[in-house]
C-alpha atoms as a PDB file:
ATOM      1  CA  MET A   1    -158.327 -10.527  25.771  1.00  0.00           C
ATOM      2  CA  ALA A   2    -159.049  -7.209  24.109  1.00  0.00           C
ATOM      3  CA  CYS A   3    -162.825  -7.296  23.983  1.00  0.00           C
ATOM      4  CA  GLU A   4    -162.946  -3.497  23.716  1.00  0.00           C
ATOM      5  CA  ALA A   5    -161.163  -3.627  20.355  1.00  0.00           C
ATOM      6  CA  TRP A   6    -163.521  -6.313  19.144  1.00  0.00           C
ATOM      7  CA  SER A   7    -166.637  -4.404  20.135  1.00  0.00           C
ATOM      8  CA  ILE A   8    -165.466  -1.240  18.351  1.00  0.00           C
ATOM      9  CA  GLU A   9    -164.920  -3.192  15.130  1.00  0.00           C
ATOM     10  CA  GLU A  10    -168.205  -5.037  15.544  1.00  0.00           C
ATOM     11  CA  ARG A  11    -170.126  -1.777  15.882  1.00  0.00           C
ATOM     12  CA  ARG A  12    -168.881  -0.812  12.441  1.00  0.00           C
ATOM     13  CA  GLY A  13    -170.089  -4.152  11.098  1.00  0.00           C
ATOM     14  CA  VAL A  14    -166.601  -5.061   9.861  1.00  0.00           C
ATOM     15  CA  ILE A  15    -164.242  -7.563  11.377  1.00  0.00           C
ATOM     16  CA  SER A  16    -160.597  -7.068  10.492  1.00  0.00           C
ATOM     17  CA  PRO A  17    -158.291  -9.947   9.553  1.00  0.00           C
ATOM     18  CA  GLU A  18    -156.415  -9.444  12.851  1.00  0.00           C
ATOM     19  CA  THR A  19    -159.644  -9.956  14.789  1.00  0.00           C
ATOM     20  CA  VAL A  20    -160.424 -13.070  12.769  1.00  0.00           C
ATOM     21  CA  GLU A  21    -156.992 -14.441  13.680  1.00  0.00           C
ATOM     22  CA  ARG A  22    -157.571 -13.658  17.373  1.00  0.00           C
ATOM     23  CA  ILE A  23    -160.918 -15.463  17.272  1.00  0.00           C
ATOM     24  CA  LYS A  24    -159.327 -18.456  15.515  1.00  0.00           C
ATOM     25  CA  ALA A  25    -156.610 -18.566  18.215  1.00  0.00           C
ATOM     26  CA  LEU A  26    -159.289 -18.410  20.923  1.00  0.00           C
ATOM     27  CA  MET A  27    -161.170 -21.251  19.225  1.00  0.00           C
ATOM     28  CA  GLU A  28    -157.981 -23.307  19.050  1.00  0.00           C
ATOM     29  CA  GLU A  29    -157.312 -22.660  22.744  1.00  0.00           C
ATOM     30  CA  ALA A  30    -160.841 -23.859  23.544  1.00  0.00           C
ATOM     31  CA  SER A  31    -160.424 -26.898  21.249  1.00  0.00           C
ATOM     32  CA  VAL A  32    -163.312 -25.805  19.025  1.00  0.00           C
ATOM     33  CA  TYR A  33    -162.900 -27.052  15.466  1.00  0.00           C
ATOM     34  CA  GLU A  34    -164.981 -26.113  12.439  1.00  0.00           C
ATOM     35  CA  ASP A  35    -165.829 -29.801  11.883  1.00  0.00           C
ATOM     36  CA  ASP A  36    -167.497 -29.937  15.322  1.00  0.00           C
ATOM     37  CA  ILE A  37    -169.713 -26.916  14.658  1.00  0.00           C
ATOM     38  CA  GLU A  38    -173.120 -27.138  13.015  1.00  0.00           C
ATOM     39  CA  GLU A  39    -173.953 -23.720  11.565  1.00  0.00           C
ATOM     40  CA  SER A  40    -177.387 -22.517  10.470  1.00  0.00           C
ATOM     41  CA  PHE A  41    -178.826 -19.144   9.516  1.00  0.00           C
ATOM     42  CA  ILE A  42    -182.159 -17.857  10.782  1.00  0.00           C
ATOM     43  CA  LEU A  43    -184.339 -14.899   9.813  1.00  0.00           C
ATOM     44  CA  GLY A  44    -183.427 -11.897  11.929  1.00  0.00           C
ATOM     45  CA  GLY A  45    -185.617  -9.502  13.832  1.00  0.00           C
ATOM     46  CA  GLY A  46    -185.550  -6.403  15.993  1.00  0.00           C
ATOM     47  CA  PRO A  47    -183.813  -3.110  15.170  1.00  0.00           C
ATOM     48  CA  GLY A  48    -182.253  -2.818  11.729  1.00  0.00           C
ATOM     49  CA  GLY A  49    -185.427  -2.556   9.663  1.00  0.00           C
ATOM     50  CA  GLN A  50    -186.209  -4.432   6.500  1.00  0.00           C
ATOM     51  CA  LYS A  51    -182.601  -5.562   6.076  1.00  0.00           C
ATOM     52  CA  THR A  52    -182.746  -7.627   9.283  1.00  0.00           C
ATOM     53  CA  ASN A  53    -186.322  -8.803   9.029  1.00  0.00           C
ATOM     54  CA  LYS A  54    -186.113 -10.204   5.488  1.00  0.00           C
ATOM     55  CA  THR A  55    -182.625 -11.716   5.471  1.00  0.00           C
ATOM     56  CA  SER A  56    -181.182 -14.746   7.238  1.00  0.00           C
ATOM     57  CA  ASN A  57    -178.428 -12.905   9.063  1.00  0.00           C
ATOM     58  CA  VAL A  58    -178.808 -14.501  12.509  1.00  0.00           C
ATOM     59  CA  VAL A  59    -176.251 -17.260  13.053  1.00  0.00           C
ATOM     60  CA  ARG A  60    -176.943 -20.322  15.184  1.00  0.00           C
ATOM     61  CA  LEU A  61    -173.992 -22.514  16.112  1.00  0.00           C
ATOM     62  CA  VAL A  62    -174.299 -25.892  17.790  1.00  0.00           C
ATOM     63  CA  HIS A  63    -171.107 -27.386  19.184  1.00  0.00           C
ATOM     64  CA  GLU A  64    -171.822 -31.117  19.045  1.00  0.00           C
ATOM     65  CA  PRO A  65    -169.159 -32.373  21.543  1.00  0.00           C
ATOM     66  CA  SER A  66    -170.282 -30.026  24.338  1.00  0.00           C
ATOM     67  CA  GLY A  67    -173.929 -29.604  23.320  1.00  0.00           C
ATOM     68  CA  LEU A  68    -173.680 -25.815  23.605  1.00  0.00           C
ATOM     69  CA  MET A  69    -175.813 -23.643  21.337  1.00  0.00           C
ATOM     70  CA  VAL A  70    -175.054 -20.006  20.502  1.00  0.00           C
ATOM     71  CA  ARG A  71    -177.352 -17.635  18.648  1.00  0.00           C
ATOM     72  CA  CYS A  72    -175.989 -14.304  17.406  1.00  0.00           C
ATOM     73  CA  GLY A  73    -177.795 -11.523  15.552  1.00  0.00           C
ATOM     74  CA  GLU A  74    -176.015  -8.496  16.964  1.00  0.00           C
ATOM     75  CA  THR A  75    -175.253  -6.848  13.628  1.00  0.00           C
ATOM     76  CA  ARG A  76    -176.918  -6.670  10.234  1.00  0.00           C
ATOM     77  CA  SER A  77    -173.985  -8.488   8.650  1.00  0.00           C
ATOM     78  CA  ARG A  78    -174.123 -12.281   8.463  1.00  0.00           C
ATOM     79  CA  GLU A  79    -170.334 -12.566   8.230  1.00  0.00           C
ATOM     80  CA  THR A  80    -169.779 -10.412  11.313  1.00  0.00           C
ATOM     81  CA  ASN A  81    -172.382 -12.426  13.236  1.00  0.00           C
ATOM     82  CA  ARG A  82    -170.620 -15.662  12.252  1.00  0.00           C
ATOM     83  CA  TRP A  83    -167.363 -14.528  13.882  1.00  0.00           C
ATOM     84  CA  ILE A  84    -169.067 -13.024  16.936  1.00  0.00           C
ATOM     85  CA  ALA A  85    -170.919 -16.321  17.465  1.00  0.00           C
ATOM     86  CA  ARG A  86    -167.680 -18.302  17.171  1.00  0.00           C
ATOM     87  CA  ARG A  87    -165.970 -16.046  19.708  1.00  0.00           C
ATOM     88  CA  THR A  88    -168.924 -16.363  22.101  1.00  0.00           C
ATOM     89  CA  LEU A  89    -168.932 -20.154  21.744  1.00  0.00           C
ATOM     90  CA  ALA A  90    -165.183 -20.388  22.436  1.00  0.00           C
ATOM     91  CA  GLU A  91    -165.523 -18.098  25.489  1.00  0.00           C
ATOM     92  CA  MET A  92    -168.413 -20.204  26.829  1.00  0.00           C
ATOM     93  CA  ILE A  93    -166.410 -23.406  26.476  1.00  0.00           C
ATOM     94  CA  LEU A  94    -163.330 -21.891  28.149  1.00  0.00           C
ATOM     95  CA  GLU A  95    -165.496 -20.529  30.931  1.00  0.00           C
ATOM     96  CA  ARG A  96    -167.072 -23.927  31.467  1.00  0.00           C
ATOM     97  CA  GLU A  97    -163.779 -25.861  31.368  1.00  0.00           C
ATOM     98  CA  GLN A  98    -161.365 -23.531  33.122  1.00  0.00           C
ATOM     99  CA  GLY A  99    -163.677 -21.459  35.260  1.00  0.00           C
ATOM    100  CA  ARG A 100    -162.470 -18.410  33.323  1.00  0.00           C
ATOM    101  CA  LYS A 101    -164.949 -15.561  33.413  1.00  0.00           C
ATOM    102  CA  THR A 102    -165.546 -13.467  30.324  1.00  0.00           C
ATOM    103  CA  ALA A 103    -165.337  -9.695  30.438  1.00  0.00           C
ATOM    104  CA  ALA A 104    -169.111  -9.431  30.015  1.00  0.00           C
ATOM    105  CA  ARG A 105    -169.742 -11.801  32.929  1.00  0.00           C
ATOM    106  CA  GLN A 106    -167.261  -9.911  35.119  1.00  0.00           C
ATOM    107  CA  ALA A 107    -168.948  -6.586  34.295  1.00  0.00           C
ATOM    108  CA  ALA A 108    -172.381  -8.019  35.104  1.00  0.00           C
ATOM    109  CA  GLU A 109    -171.144  -9.376  38.436  1.00  0.00           C
ATOM    110  CA  LYS A 110    -169.533  -6.054  39.297  1.00  0.00           C
ATOM    111  CA  ILE A 111    -172.804  -4.219  38.678  1.00  0.00           C
ATOM    112  CA  ARG A 112    -174.687  -6.788  40.762  1.00  0.00           C
ATOM    113  CA  ARG A 113    -172.258  -6.287  43.663  1.00  0.00           C
ATOM    114  CA  GLN A 114    -172.602  -2.513  43.421  1.00  0.00           C
ATOM    115  CA  LYS A 115    -176.396  -2.685  43.522  1.00  0.00           C
ATOM    116  CA  ARG A 116    -176.518  -5.151  46.408  1.00  0.00           C
ATOM    117  CA  ARG A 117    -177.868  -3.763  49.667  1.00  0.00           C
ATOM    118  CA  ARG A 118    -175.364  -3.141  52.426  1.00  0.00           C
ATOM    119  CA  SER A 119    -175.676  -4.925  55.724  1.00  0.00           C
ATOM    120  CA  ARG A 120    -176.598  -2.919  58.832  1.00  0.00           C
ATOM    121  CA  ARG A 121    -173.034  -3.176  60.090  1.00  0.00           C
ATOM    122  CA  GLN A 122    -171.581  -1.940  56.788  1.00  0.00           C
ATOM    123  CA  LYS A 123    -174.053   0.933  56.687  1.00  0.00           C
ATOM    124  CA  GLN A 124    -173.265   1.891  60.303  1.00  0.00           C
ATOM    125  CA  ARG A 125    -169.504   1.786  59.659  1.00  0.00           C
ATOM    126  CA  MET A 126    -169.908   3.889  56.499  1.00  0.00           C
ATOM    127  CA  LEU A 127    -171.912   6.535  58.396  1.00  0.00           C
ATOM    128  CA  GLU A 128    -169.336   6.606  61.211  1.00  0.00           C
ATOM    129  CA  ASP A 129    -166.558   7.152  58.660  1.00  0.00           C
ATOM    130  CA  LYS A 130    -168.539   9.961  57.018  1.00  0.00           C
ATOM    131  CA  HIS A 131    -169.127  11.609  60.397  1.00  0.00           C
ATOM    132  CA  ALA A 132    -165.419  11.368  61.306  1.00  0.00           C
ATOM    133  CA  ARG A 133    -164.458  12.829  57.938  1.00  0.00           C
ATOM    134  CA  SER A 134    -166.881  15.741  58.341  1.00  0.00           C
ATOM    135  CA  GLU A 135    -165.450  16.507  61.796  1.00  0.00           C
ATOM    136  CA  LYS A 136    -161.943  16.500  60.341  1.00  0.00           C
ATOM    137  CA  LYS A 137    -163.053  18.902  57.610  1.00  0.00           C
ATOM    138  CA  ALA A 138    -164.737  21.149  60.175  1.00  0.00           C
ATOM    139  CA  LEU A 139    -161.368  21.541  61.918  1.00  0.00           C
ATOM    140  CA  ARG A 140    -159.866  22.838  58.662  1.00  0.00           C
ATOM    141  CA  ARG A 141    -162.217  25.816  58.517  1.00  0.00           C
ATOM    142  CA  ARG A 142    -160.772  29.278  58.805  1.00  0.00           C
ATOM    143  CA  VAL A 143    -160.783  30.625  62.361  1.00  0.00           C
ATOM    144  CA  ASP A 144    -162.684  33.865  62.825  1.00  0.00           C
ATOM    145  CA  GLU A 145    -160.094  36.295  64.312  1.00  0.00           C
ATOM    146  CA  SER A 146    -162.349  39.171  65.334  1.00  0.00           C
ATOM    147  CA  PRO A 147    -164.278  38.494  68.564  1.00  0.00           C
ATOM    148  CA  GLN A 148    -167.723  40.053  68.737  1.00  0.00           C
END
């Protein structure tokens, strides 16, 4: 999946026909059909000013067979939000059925692993490696040729 390409297009608020086709293919792979989706529009909120607060640009999709509900108000455009919500719904269903992890979930897990505290043994081993490396670097220093 090329989520990076999707996010660049979404930031502009425009979804290209190619992206729409990719989302439709993802929906087909996840066995999500338009007849199974109940779509409603809700008043938006948050950043975006009057345009978001006074218009119904937030999309809420309910997938009746699985019972999943997706709410999307990422952009000011209702049409863009509709396709983002469909993509999110299809990814959630695939993740649930196949155990496939989305790019966003993988990134979140990676950050969580990076922030996790190291065990005492890991910390000790890391410090030993650093000490060994510093000794190796100390041996590379230039030798002072003139005795004093």
